Amino acid sequence: MSGEISRCGLDCGECRCRQSGECPGCYVANGQMFWGQCPVSYCCQQRGHDHCGLCPRYCCDMLYDFAYGEQGDNGRRLERLNQRLRDGS
């Protein structure tokens, strides 16, 4: 895993938009990404959580759809969030 994991569990080190400088990362962008508002990041931020794994509603339908939908990563982001929880972060 890279040093930066997004609120939804995406490994920013694997993201070409982050690598190219197009994306500042969701912690900096506060949910307003270069492509528009990220509903997952915005929800997490509004609930006052550092990442979705800390939410009492984890894993909600929105996050699940994000992880397995058209732009998803077949749940790898959820595995990262679960690892963060096991690590206590």
Protein backbone atom coordinates (compact mmCIF):
# COMPACT_ATOMS: atom_id res chain seq x y z
CA MET A 1 0.00 0.00 0.00
CA SER A 2 1.14 3.51 -0.69
CA GLY A 3 1.39 6.18 1.97
CA GLU A 4 -1.96 7.74 1.11
CA ILE A 5 -5.28 5.97 1.24
CA SER A 6 -8.39 7.97 0.35
CA ARG A 7 -11.50 8.24 2.50
CA CYS A 8 -13.12 5.39 0.53
CA GLY A 9 -10.02 3.18 0.65
CA LEU A 10 -8.59 3.89 -2.79
CA ASP A 11 -4.80 3.63 -2.88
CA CYS A 12 -3.87 7.05 -4.27
CA GLY A 13 -0.47 5.69 -5.28
CA GLU A 14 -2.21 3.52 -7.88
CA CYS A 15 -4.34 6.35 -9.29
CA ARG A 16 -3.10 7.86 -12.54
CA CYS A 17 -5.02 11.10 -11.87
CA ARG A 18 -3.25 11.50 -8.55
CA GLN A 19 0.13 10.62 -10.07
CA SER A 20 -0.32 13.15 -12.89
CA GLY A 21 -1.23 15.93 -10.47
CA GLU A 22 -4.83 16.25 -11.71
CA CYS A 23 -6.17 15.20 -8.33
CA PRO A 24 -5.02 16.75 -5.04
CA GLY A 25 -6.56 13.90 -3.04
CA CYS A 26 -9.86 13.87 -1.22
CA TYR A 27 -8.45 15.13 2.08
CA VAL A 28 -7.24 18.30 0.35
CA ALA A 29 -10.18 18.67 -2.05
CA ASN A 30 -12.78 18.27 0.74
CA GLY A 31 -15.02 16.15 -1.47
CA GLN A 32 -14.90 18.55 -4.42
CA MET A 33 -12.73 16.61 -6.82
CA PHE A 34 -11.48 17.78 -10.22
CA TRP A 35 -14.29 15.75 -11.82
CA GLY A 36 -17.03 17.05 -9.50
CA GLN A 37 -18.24 16.36 -6.01
CA CYS A 38 -17.40 12.89 -4.74
CA PRO A 39 -20.47 11.71 -2.82
CA VAL A 40 -18.50 9.19 -0.76
CA SER A 41 -15.82 11.65 0.33
CA TYR A 42 -18.41 14.35 0.98
CA CYS A 43 -20.54 12.00 3.11
CA CYS A 44 -17.52 10.86 5.11
CA GLN A 45 -16.39 14.43 5.69
CA GLN A 46 -19.88 15.59 6.71
CA ARG A 47 -20.09 12.77 9.26
CA GLY A 48 -16.73 13.83 10.69
CA HIS A 49 -14.81 10.65 9.86
CA ASP A 50 -11.27 10.36 8.58
CA HIS A 51 -12.32 7.43 6.39
CA CYS A 52 -15.43 5.40 5.66
CA GLY A 53 -14.31 2.48 7.82
CA LEU A 54 -14.90 4.60 10.92
CA CYS A 55 -18.55 5.23 10.08
CA PRO A 56 -21.19 3.26 12.02
CA ARG A 57 -22.90 2.65 8.65
CA TYR A 58 -19.78 1.01 7.15
CA CYS A 59 -20.14 -0.59 4.60
CA CYS A 60 -23.16 1.37 3.32
CA ASP A 61 -24.78 0.85 -0.08
CA MET A 62 -23.15 3.98 -1.49
CA LEU A 63 -19.64 2.79 -0.62
CA TYR A 64 -20.36 -0.76 -1.76
CA ASP A 65 -21.64 0.51 -5.12
CA PHE A 66 -18.58 2.75 -5.39
CA ALA A 67 -16.27 -0.23 -4.74
CA TYR A 68 -17.97 -2.62 -7.14
CA GLY A 69 -19.53 -0.26 -9.70
CA GLU A 70 -18.34 0.88 -13.09
CA GLN A 71 -15.32 2.79 -11.74
CA GLY A 72 -14.77 0.40 -8.84
CA ASP A 73 -11.86 -1.86 -8.03
CA ASN A 74 -13.69 -5.11 -7.19
CA GLY A 75 -13.65 -4.31 -3.49
CA ARG A 76 -9.92 -3.75 -3.04
CA ARG A 77 -10.68 -0.39 -1.42
CA LEU A 78 -12.87 -2.15 1.15
CA GLU A 79 -10.01 -4.53 1.94
CA ARG A 80 -7.78 -1.48 2.54
CA LEU A 81 -10.37 0.07 4.87
CA ASN A 82 -10.65 -3.21 6.76
CA GLN A 83 -6.85 -3.27 7.08
CA ARG A 84 -6.89 0.28 8.43
CA LEU A 85 -9.43 -0.81 11.04
CA ARG A 86 -7.29 -3.81 12.03
CA ASP A 87 -4.27 -1.49 12.28
CA GLY A 88 -6.24 0.95 14.44
CA SER A 89 -6.04 3.88 12.03
